[in-house]
N, C-alpha and C. Protein backbone atom coordinates (compact mmCIF):
# COMPACT_ATOMS: atom_id res chain seq x y z
N MET A 1 110.12 112.59 112.68
CA MET A 1 109.91 113.77 112.16
C MET A 1 108.35 114.26 112.09
N LEU A 2 107.61 113.19 112.17
CA LEU A 2 106.23 113.53 112.34
C LEU A 2 105.86 114.13 113.77
N GLN A 3 106.56 113.89 114.72
CA GLN A 3 106.48 114.14 116.10
C GLN A 3 106.87 115.84 116.11
N MET A 4 107.96 116.01 115.41
CA MET A 4 108.57 117.21 115.35
C MET A 4 107.61 118.23 114.67
N ILE A 5 107.01 117.97 113.31
CA ILE A 5 106.15 118.83 112.81
C ILE A 5 104.92 119.11 113.65
N VAL A 6 104.18 118.17 114.58
CA VAL A 6 103.25 118.24 115.39
C VAL A 6 103.55 119.38 116.40
N GLU A 7 104.67 119.14 116.79
CA GLU A 7 105.35 119.92 118.28
C GLU A 7 105.55 121.47 117.88
N THR A 8 105.95 121.41 116.72
CA THR A 8 106.41 122.96 115.96
C THR A 8 105.12 123.35 115.49
N ARG A 9 104.10 122.77 115.32
CA ARG A 9 102.85 123.60 115.02
C ARG A 9 102.19 124.04 116.34
N LYS A 10 102.32 123.22 117.30
CA LYS A 10 101.67 123.66 118.79
C LYS A 10 102.40 124.87 119.07
N ILE A 11 103.89 124.85 119.02
CA ILE A 11 104.57 125.77 119.34
C ILE A 11 104.18 127.46 118.68
N THR A 12 104.14 127.34 117.20
CA THR A 12 104.05 128.27 116.62
C THR A 12 102.36 128.87 116.79
N GLU A 13 101.36 127.95 116.88
CA GLU A 13 100.06 128.32 117.08
C GLU A 13 99.86 129.06 118.52
N ALA A 14 100.65 128.56 119.60
CA ALA A 14 100.60 129.16 120.95
C ALA A 14 101.10 130.44 120.98
N SER A 15 102.24 130.87 120.08
CA SER A 15 102.87 131.98 120.03
C SER A 15 102.18 133.25 119.42
N ASN A 16 101.07 133.00 118.62
CA ASN A 16 100.31 134.11 118.13
C ASN A 16 101.02 134.78 117.08
N ALA A 17 102.24 134.61 116.78
CA ALA A 17 103.15 135.07 115.95
C ALA A 17 102.85 134.34 114.44
N PRO A 18 103.00 135.49 113.34
CA PRO A 18 102.61 134.98 112.11
C PRO A 18 103.91 134.15 111.45
N VAL A 19 104.02 133.12 111.96
CA VAL A 19 105.15 132.04 111.55
C VAL A 19 104.59 130.69 111.15
N TRP A 20 105.23 130.05 110.33
CA TRP A 20 104.75 128.68 110.10
C TRP A 20 106.05 127.87 109.90
N SER A 21 106.04 126.52 109.72
CA SER A 21 107.12 125.74 109.36
C SER A 21 107.04 125.57 107.75
N SER A 22 108.21 125.43 107.23
CA SER A 22 108.42 125.08 105.86
C SER A 22 109.73 124.48 105.79
N GLY A 23 109.96 124.00 104.65
CA GLY A 23 111.12 123.33 104.25
C GLY A 23 110.78 122.16 103.50
N MET A 24 111.73 121.95 102.85
CA MET A 24 111.76 120.56 101.96
C MET A 24 111.30 119.15 102.86
N MET A 25 111.88 118.99 104.12
CA MET A 25 111.36 117.87 104.94
C MET A 25 109.98 117.93 105.40
N VAL A 26 109.67 119.29 105.72
CA VAL A 26 108.31 119.30 106.39
C VAL A 26 107.42 118.90 105.38
N THR A 27 107.56 119.71 104.26
CA THR A 27 106.67 119.72 103.02
C THR A 27 106.41 118.11 102.63
N LEU A 28 107.46 117.40 102.71
CA LEU A 28 107.51 116.10 102.07
C LEU A 28 106.96 115.05 103.15
N ASN A 29 107.11 115.29 104.61
CA ASN A 29 106.82 114.66 105.62
C ASN A 29 105.16 115.07 106.35
N GLU A 30 104.88 115.98 105.70
CA GLU A 30 103.61 116.77 106.29
C GLU A 30 102.43 115.85 105.58
N GLN A 31 102.34 115.11 104.51
CA GLN A 31 101.48 114.40 103.78
C GLN A 31 101.02 113.02 104.86
N PHE A 32 102.10 112.75 105.67
CA PHE A 32 101.71 111.53 106.43
C PHE A 32 101.01 111.77 107.85
N LEU A 33 100.67 112.83 108.14
CA LEU A 33 100.09 113.36 109.27
C LEU A 33 98.71 112.92 109.19
N HIS A 34 98.14 113.46 107.91
CA HIS A 34 96.62 113.05 107.35
C HIS A 34 96.19 112.08 106.46
N VAL A 35 97.26 111.50 105.96
CA VAL A 35 97.10 110.73 104.53
C VAL A 35 95.79 109.58 104.82
N ARG A 36 95.95 108.82 105.88
CA ARG A 36 94.64 107.67 105.84
C ARG A 36 93.40 108.47 105.88
N GLU A 37 93.48 109.69 106.74
CA GLU A 37 92.01 110.44 106.76
C GLU A 37 91.75 110.56 105.37
N TYR A 38 92.62 111.39 104.71
CA TYR A 38 92.43 111.99 103.30
C TYR A 38 92.12 110.75 102.20
N MET A 39 92.83 109.50 102.55
CA MET A 39 92.50 108.09 101.96
C MET A 39 91.10 107.83 101.99
N LEU A 40 90.71 107.78 103.14
CA LEU A 40 89.22 107.34 103.46
C LEU A 40 88.13 108.30 102.68
N TRP A 41 88.59 109.50 102.85
CA TRP A 41 87.46 110.30 102.60
C TRP A 41 87.39 110.42 101.12
N SER A 42 88.50 110.33 100.43
CA SER A 42 88.59 110.51 98.83
C SER A 42 88.14 109.12 98.20
N VAL A 43 88.54 108.19 98.67
CA VAL A 43 87.96 106.89 98.05
C VAL A 43 86.62 106.57 98.40
N GLY A 44 86.18 106.93 99.60
CA GLY A 44 84.59 106.89 99.56
C GLY A 44 83.99 107.90 98.84
N LEU A 45 84.47 109.06 98.58
CA LEU A 45 83.70 109.92 97.81
C LEU A 45 83.77 109.51 96.24
N ALA A 46 85.02 108.87 95.95
CA ALA A 46 85.04 108.45 94.50
C ALA A 46 83.98 107.28 94.33
N CYS A 47 83.96 106.45 95.42
CA CYS A 47 82.84 105.20 95.11
C CYS A 47 81.48 105.84 95.08
N GLY A 48 81.27 106.80 95.94
CA GLY A 48 80.06 107.46 96.08
C GLY A 48 79.46 108.10 94.85
N LEU A 49 80.55 108.88 94.29
CA LEU A 49 80.08 109.32 92.94
C LEU A 49 80.09 108.58 91.92
N ALA A 50 80.76 107.63 91.94
CA ALA A 50 80.58 106.14 90.95
C ALA A 50 78.93 105.72 91.15
N VAL A 51 78.56 105.41 92.01
CA VAL A 51 77.03 105.44 92.30
C VAL A 51 76.05 106.27 91.71
N VAL A 52 76.49 107.69 91.96
CA VAL A 52 75.53 108.61 91.75
C VAL A 52 75.47 108.82 90.04
N VAL A 53 76.79 108.70 89.45
CA VAL A 53 76.90 108.82 88.06
C VAL A 53 76.20 107.32 87.26
N SER A 54 76.65 106.05 88.07
CA SER A 54 75.94 105.28 87.52
C SER A 54 74.23 105.17 87.59
N PHE A 55 73.82 105.50 88.59
CA PHE A 55 72.30 105.37 88.60
C PHE A 55 71.69 105.80 87.46
N PRO A 56 71.81 107.19 86.83
CA PRO A 56 71.11 107.60 85.81
C PRO A 56 71.33 106.61 84.39
N LEU A 57 72.57 106.22 84.57
CA LEU A 57 72.89 105.11 83.24
C LEU A 57 72.52 103.75 83.39
N LEU A 58 72.30 103.40 84.57
CA LEU A 58 71.75 102.08 84.77
C LEU A 58 70.16 101.93 84.92
N LEU A 59 69.81 102.93 85.44
CA LEU A 59 68.37 103.29 85.88
C LEU A 59 67.80 102.14 86.87
N SER A 60 68.91 101.85 87.73
CA SER A 60 68.52 101.16 88.72
C SER A 60 69.28 101.31 90.03
N LEU A 61 68.87 101.86 90.97
CA LEU A 61 69.60 102.11 92.27
C LEU A 61 69.98 100.85 92.77
N ARG A 62 69.59 100.03 92.69
CA ARG A 62 70.05 98.69 93.18
C ARG A 62 71.26 98.22 92.60
N LEU A 63 71.16 98.17 91.39
CA LEU A 63 72.42 97.98 90.32
C LEU A 63 73.48 98.93 90.64
N ALA A 64 73.10 100.23 90.65
CA ALA A 64 74.40 101.08 90.99
C ALA A 64 74.87 101.08 92.34
N LEU A 65 74.13 100.69 93.34
CA LEU A 65 74.67 100.35 94.61
C LEU A 65 75.65 99.12 94.61
N MET A 66 75.34 98.34 93.88
CA MET A 66 76.04 97.08 93.76
C MET A 66 77.20 97.27 92.95
N VAL A 67 77.28 98.37 91.86
CA VAL A 67 78.76 98.59 91.38
C VAL A 67 79.28 99.45 92.33
N GLY A 68 78.89 100.45 93.02
CA GLY A 68 79.55 100.98 94.07
C GLY A 68 80.47 100.13 95.14
N GLY A 69 79.62 99.23 95.62
CA GLY A 69 80.01 98.22 96.55
C GLY A 69 81.15 97.44 95.65
N CYS A 70 81.01 97.03 94.52
CA CYS A 70 82.11 96.17 93.93
C CYS A 70 83.31 96.95 93.84
N LEU A 71 83.02 98.26 93.48
CA LEU A 71 84.34 99.21 93.58
C LEU A 71 84.93 99.34 94.84
N ALA A 72 84.28 99.44 95.99
CA ALA A 72 84.81 99.77 97.31
C ALA A 72 85.39 98.11 97.72
N PHE A 73 84.94 97.20 97.16
CA PHE A 73 85.44 95.86 97.48
C PHE A 73 86.85 95.69 96.69
N ILE A 74 86.91 96.17 95.47
CA ILE A 74 88.34 95.93 94.85
C ILE A 74 89.36 96.92 95.43
N VAL A 75 89.05 98.28 95.75
CA VAL A 75 89.81 99.22 96.58
C VAL A 75 90.29 98.47 97.64
N LEU A 76 89.40 97.65 98.64
CA LEU A 76 89.80 97.28 99.77
C LEU A 76 90.90 96.12 99.70
N LEU A 77 90.44 95.36 98.53
CA LEU A 77 91.27 93.92 98.19
C LEU A 77 92.49 94.70 97.64
N VAL A 78 92.74 95.68 97.09
CA VAL A 78 94.10 96.14 96.45
C VAL A 78 94.90 96.79 97.76
N PHE A 79 93.89 97.40 98.70
CA PHE A 79 94.61 98.16 99.77
C PHE A 79 95.22 96.96 100.94
N GLY A 80 94.43 95.94 101.04
CA GLY A 80 94.66 94.94 101.93
C GLY A 80 96.05 94.17 101.67
N PHE A 81 96.48 94.17 100.09
CA PHE A 81 97.45 93.67 99.69
C PHE A 81 98.77 94.65 99.70
N VAL A 82 98.66 95.90 100.02
CA VAL A 82 99.52 96.81 100.17
C VAL A 82 100.79 96.40 101.27
N PRO A 83 100.55 96.00 102.28
CA PRO A 83 101.67 95.58 103.07
C PRO A 83 102.28 94.41 102.56
N VAL A 84 101.61 93.39 101.98
CA VAL A 84 101.97 92.11 101.60
C VAL A 84 103.23 92.21 100.45
N VAL A 85 102.78 93.28 99.53
CA VAL A 85 103.99 93.61 98.62
C VAL A 85 104.92 94.68 99.04
N GLY A 86 104.88 95.02 100.28
CA GLY A 86 105.85 95.90 100.75
C GLY A 86 105.89 97.54 100.30
N LEU A 87 104.70 97.90 100.43
CA LEU A 87 104.31 99.09 100.21
C LEU A 87 103.89 100.00 101.31
N HIS A 88 103.91 101.47 101.38
CA HIS A 88 103.48 101.84 102.49
C HIS A 88 102.32 103.09 102.22
N VAL A 89 101.61 103.63 103.22
CA VAL A 89 100.45 104.43 102.82
C VAL A 89 101.13 105.86 102.79
N ASN A 90 101.21 106.41 101.55
CA ASN A 90 101.59 107.76 101.19
C ASN A 90 100.44 108.21 100.02
N GLY A 91 100.98 109.51 99.61
CA GLY A 91 100.33 110.24 98.66
C GLY A 91 100.09 109.28 97.20
N ILE A 92 101.08 108.96 96.90
CA ILE A 92 101.19 108.05 95.65
C ILE A 92 100.28 106.77 95.52
N LEU A 93 100.11 106.26 96.77
CA LEU A 93 99.30 105.20 97.14
C LEU A 93 97.66 105.44 97.07
N VAL A 94 97.58 106.93 97.70
CA VAL A 94 96.25 107.36 97.60
C VAL A 94 95.73 107.81 96.39
N LEU A 95 96.44 108.28 95.49
CA LEU A 95 96.21 108.61 94.22
C LEU A 95 95.95 107.35 93.29
N ASN A 96 96.75 105.93 93.48
CA ASN A 96 96.45 105.09 92.72
C ASN A 96 95.22 104.43 93.29
N LEU A 97 94.89 104.39 94.51
CA LEU A 97 93.53 103.98 94.96
C LEU A 97 92.47 104.44 94.32
N LEU A 98 92.56 105.91 93.99
CA LEU A 98 91.53 106.59 93.40
C LEU A 98 91.53 106.17 91.88
N VAL A 99 92.82 105.93 91.36
CA VAL A 99 92.62 105.33 89.93
C VAL A 99 92.02 104.26 90.01
N THR A 100 92.16 103.18 91.00
CA THR A 100 91.76 102.01 91.17
C THR A 100 90.08 101.84 91.09
N VAL A 101 89.57 102.90 91.67
CA VAL A 101 88.17 103.15 91.32
C VAL A 101 87.73 103.34 90.09
N GLY A 102 88.39 104.20 89.25
CA GLY A 102 88.44 104.62 87.89
C GLY A 102 88.47 103.29 86.79
N VAL A 103 89.69 102.54 87.16
CA VAL A 103 89.82 101.37 86.46
C VAL A 103 88.93 100.38 86.55
N SER A 104 88.38 100.16 87.82
CA SER A 104 87.40 99.10 88.25
C SER A 104 85.91 99.38 87.71
N VAL A 105 85.71 100.69 87.08
CA VAL A 105 84.37 100.98 86.61
C VAL A 105 84.42 100.19 85.44
N GLU A 106 85.56 99.83 84.78
CA GLU A 106 85.38 99.17 83.39
C GLU A 106 85.05 97.61 83.64
N PHE A 107 85.29 97.16 84.70
CA PHE A 107 85.03 95.72 85.06
C PHE A 107 83.60 95.66 85.63
N THR A 108 83.16 96.51 86.25
CA THR A 108 81.63 96.41 86.94
C THR A 108 80.58 97.07 86.16
N ALA A 109 80.66 98.21 85.90
CA ALA A 109 79.55 99.09 85.16
C ALA A 109 79.04 98.54 84.01
N HIS A 110 80.09 98.03 83.12
CA HIS A 110 79.84 97.38 81.83
C HIS A 110 79.13 96.04 81.80
N LEU A 111 79.50 95.34 82.87
CA LEU A 111 78.83 94.16 83.08
C LEU A 111 77.46 94.38 83.74
N ALA A 112 77.29 95.08 84.53
CA ALA A 112 75.95 95.68 85.20
C ALA A 112 74.86 96.06 84.13
N ARG A 113 75.39 96.87 83.10
CA ARG A 113 74.61 97.56 82.30
C ARG A 113 74.17 96.38 81.31
N ALA A 114 75.17 95.50 80.97
CA ALA A 114 74.74 94.31 80.02
C ALA A 114 73.90 93.35 80.71
N PHE A 115 73.88 93.31 82.01
CA PHE A 115 72.92 92.36 82.77
C PHE A 115 71.68 92.88 82.60
N LEU A 116 71.62 94.17 82.93
CA LEU A 116 70.28 94.95 83.14
C LEU A 116 69.60 94.93 81.67
N VAL A 117 70.30 95.10 80.52
CA VAL A 117 69.35 94.93 79.08
C VAL A 117 69.32 93.76 78.84
N ALA A 118 69.76 92.57 79.31
CA ALA A 118 69.91 91.15 78.81
C ALA A 118 68.58 90.53 78.83
N ASP A 119 68.30 89.83 77.62
CA ASP A 119 67.00 89.00 77.55
C ASP A 119 67.31 87.62 78.25
N GLY A 120 66.38 87.38 79.04
CA GLY A 120 66.40 86.18 79.68
C GLY A 120 65.22 85.88 80.72
N GLN A 121 65.11 84.86 80.80
CA GLN A 121 63.72 84.53 81.86
C GLN A 121 64.54 84.36 83.19
N THR A 122 65.49 83.85 83.50
CA THR A 122 66.31 83.88 84.82
C THR A 122 67.31 84.72 84.70
N ARG A 123 68.07 84.87 86.00
CA ARG A 123 69.13 85.76 86.38
C ARG A 123 70.42 84.91 85.52
N GLN A 124 70.34 83.61 85.85
CA GLN A 124 71.40 82.90 85.03
C GLN A 124 71.52 83.08 83.72
N GLU A 125 70.45 83.04 83.14
CA GLU A 125 70.28 83.35 81.57
C GLU A 125 70.87 84.89 81.51
N ARG A 126 70.54 85.71 82.00
CA ARG A 126 71.01 87.16 82.06
C ARG A 126 72.38 87.18 82.12
N VAL A 127 72.95 86.77 83.11
CA VAL A 127 74.39 86.72 83.63
C VAL A 127 75.07 86.33 82.29
N CYS A 128 74.86 84.98 81.78
CA CYS A 128 75.46 84.34 80.62
C CYS A 128 75.66 85.34 79.66
N GLN A 129 74.22 85.79 79.33
CA GLN A 129 74.17 86.74 78.02
C GLN A 129 75.01 87.95 78.39
N ALA A 130 75.07 88.43 79.48
CA ALA A 130 75.83 89.67 79.84
C ALA A 130 77.39 89.38 79.69
N LEU A 131 77.80 88.19 79.96
CA LEU A 131 79.13 87.68 80.35
C LEU A 131 79.58 87.44 78.57
N ASP A 132 78.89 87.04 77.77
CA ASP A 132 78.97 86.72 76.15
C ASP A 132 79.10 87.99 75.80
N GLU A 133 78.33 89.32 76.09
CA GLU A 133 78.54 90.15 75.27
C GLU A 133 79.81 91.18 75.82
N THR A 134 80.02 91.03 77.07
CA THR A 134 80.94 91.98 77.67
C THR A 134 82.26 91.70 77.95
N ALA A 135 82.45 90.16 78.17
CA ALA A 135 83.71 89.66 78.51
C ALA A 135 84.91 89.82 77.77
N ILE A 136 84.81 89.64 76.46
CA ILE A 136 85.89 90.12 75.60
C ILE A 136 86.38 91.66 75.55
N PRO A 137 85.27 92.60 75.56
CA PRO A 137 85.68 93.74 75.50
C PRO A 137 86.41 94.06 77.08
N ILE A 138 85.92 93.67 78.04
CA ILE A 138 86.44 93.89 79.30
C ILE A 138 87.87 93.25 79.28
N PHE A 139 88.06 92.02 78.95
CA PHE A 139 89.50 91.52 78.88
C PHE A 139 90.32 92.35 77.95
N ASN A 140 90.05 92.80 77.01
CA ASN A 140 90.74 93.57 75.90
C ASN A 140 91.04 94.94 76.72
N GLY A 141 90.11 95.64 77.58
CA GLY A 141 90.57 96.93 78.43
C GLY A 141 91.52 96.39 79.35
N ALA A 142 91.40 95.45 80.15
CA ALA A 142 92.59 94.96 80.76
C ALA A 142 93.81 94.57 80.24
N LEU A 143 93.91 93.97 79.13
CA LEU A 143 94.85 93.73 78.34
C LEU A 143 95.67 94.93 77.78
N SER A 144 94.79 96.10 77.57
CA SER A 144 95.69 97.50 77.07
C SER A 144 96.07 98.00 78.26
N THR A 145 95.43 98.09 79.28
CA THR A 145 96.11 98.41 80.59
C THR A 145 97.42 97.97 80.91
N LEU A 146 97.24 96.54 81.00
CA LEU A 146 98.60 95.78 81.05
C LEU A 146 99.50 96.05 80.25
N LEU A 147 99.41 96.11 78.97
CA LEU A 147 100.44 96.75 77.90
C LEU A 147 100.81 98.00 78.21
N GLY A 148 100.01 98.86 78.69
CA GLY A 148 100.43 100.20 79.12
C GLY A 148 101.51 100.30 80.43
N VAL A 149 101.26 99.32 81.10
CA VAL A 149 102.32 99.30 82.34
C VAL A 149 103.48 98.44 82.36
N ILE A 150 103.34 97.56 81.58
CA ILE A 150 104.28 96.69 81.26
C ILE A 150 106.12 97.09 81.22
N PRO A 151 105.97 98.30 80.29
CA PRO A 151 107.46 98.91 80.25
C PRO A 151 107.88 99.25 81.46
N LEU A 152 106.94 99.64 82.75
CA LEU A 152 107.61 99.78 83.88
C LEU A 152 108.51 98.86 84.61
N ILE A 153 108.23 97.75 84.26
CA ILE A 153 109.26 96.72 84.74
C ILE A 153 110.65 96.89 84.29
N PHE A 154 111.05 97.77 83.46
CA PHE A 154 112.34 98.23 82.75
C PHE A 154 112.60 99.47 83.54
N ALA A 155 111.88 100.08 84.41
CA ALA A 155 111.96 101.28 84.89
C ALA A 155 113.41 101.33 85.78
N SER A 156 114.34 102.23 85.73
CA SER A 156 115.30 102.25 86.72
C SER A 156 115.37 102.74 88.10
N PHE A 157 114.03 103.38 88.18
CA PHE A 157 113.58 103.77 89.60
C PHE A 157 112.70 102.75 90.38
N PRO A 158 113.30 102.06 91.45
CA PRO A 158 112.24 101.21 91.98
C PRO A 158 110.75 101.57 92.47
N TYR A 159 110.83 103.00 92.79
CA TYR A 159 109.69 103.28 93.14
C TYR A 159 108.61 103.14 92.29
N PHE A 160 108.86 103.29 91.07
CA PHE A 160 107.95 103.26 89.89
C PHE A 160 107.55 101.80 89.83
N ARG A 161 108.37 101.05 89.61
CA ARG A 161 108.15 99.61 89.61
C ARG A 161 106.99 99.16 91.03
N LEU A 162 107.34 99.61 92.07
CA LEU A 162 106.55 99.34 93.28
C LEU A 162 105.31 99.87 93.35
N TYR A 163 105.16 101.19 93.16
CA TYR A 163 104.06 101.96 93.38
C TYR A 163 102.95 102.27 92.25
N PHE A 164 103.59 101.50 91.06
CA PHE A 164 102.69 101.78 89.74
C PHE A 164 102.71 100.27 89.21
N LEU A 165 103.43 99.77 88.88
CA LEU A 165 103.50 98.44 88.04
C LEU A 165 103.14 97.56 89.18
N THR A 166 103.31 97.37 90.42
CA THR A 166 102.59 96.32 91.30
C THR A 166 101.08 96.72 91.52
N LEU A 167 100.83 97.85 91.89
CA LEU A 167 99.45 98.56 92.05
C LEU A 167 98.51 97.93 90.88
N TYR A 168 98.92 98.48 89.75
CA TYR A 168 98.21 98.03 88.41
C TYR A 168 97.95 96.71 88.30
N LEU A 169 99.10 95.82 88.42
CA LEU A 169 98.83 94.46 88.52
C LEU A 169 97.98 93.90 89.52
N LEU A 170 97.89 94.68 90.68
CA LEU A 170 96.81 94.05 91.56
C LEU A 170 95.52 94.67 91.25
N ILE A 171 95.22 95.94 90.62
CA ILE A 171 94.02 96.26 90.31
C ILE A 171 93.48 95.36 89.37
N LEU A 172 94.40 95.05 88.21
CA LEU A 172 93.99 94.13 87.30
C LEU A 172 93.70 92.86 87.66
N GLY A 173 94.35 92.28 88.69
CA GLY A 173 93.99 91.10 89.31
C GLY A 173 92.83 90.88 89.87
N PHE A 174 92.79 91.82 90.80
CA PHE A 174 91.46 91.83 91.73
C PHE A 174 90.15 92.32 90.74
N GLY A 175 90.40 93.24 89.70
CA GLY A 175 89.10 93.59 89.09
C GLY A 175 88.84 92.51 88.04
N LEU A 176 89.61 91.62 87.62
CA LEU A 176 89.07 90.86 86.69
C LEU A 176 88.52 89.48 87.42
């Protein structure tokens, strides 16, 4: 189907006629032509914007870059498990990878900020204090997200279980 779309585009562009391919099958399958490119661009942009937004809040470029790196790493882990759990790269997966960035901010930025303002003589003391202050709220946030997606176990449409429940469980698992 993708080869047909590509060949049809070549023919219509070469004809100089004001025509284009349309239809449900073309619209549905056209997303697969550039989905990986869009995925890399959008997830990279989301991680970059997370760094830009984190910097004024953390007042530390180094820490903001670490947050962005952690976000990218969590997305990479989730994406790496996509074939393991039987998913395919499509628009819904790209959307959920963008949501991965947003949800993972909860796991990274709050802890980074707590570390930054923690009192302590050594890094280990500051990490312990930051974990003392943020561990329970972070776990509560993860628990509320988990409670929000658990009803998808009972979804009659398997696509919802695969592309939403499974991905959110991966996000929570790798984020924590």
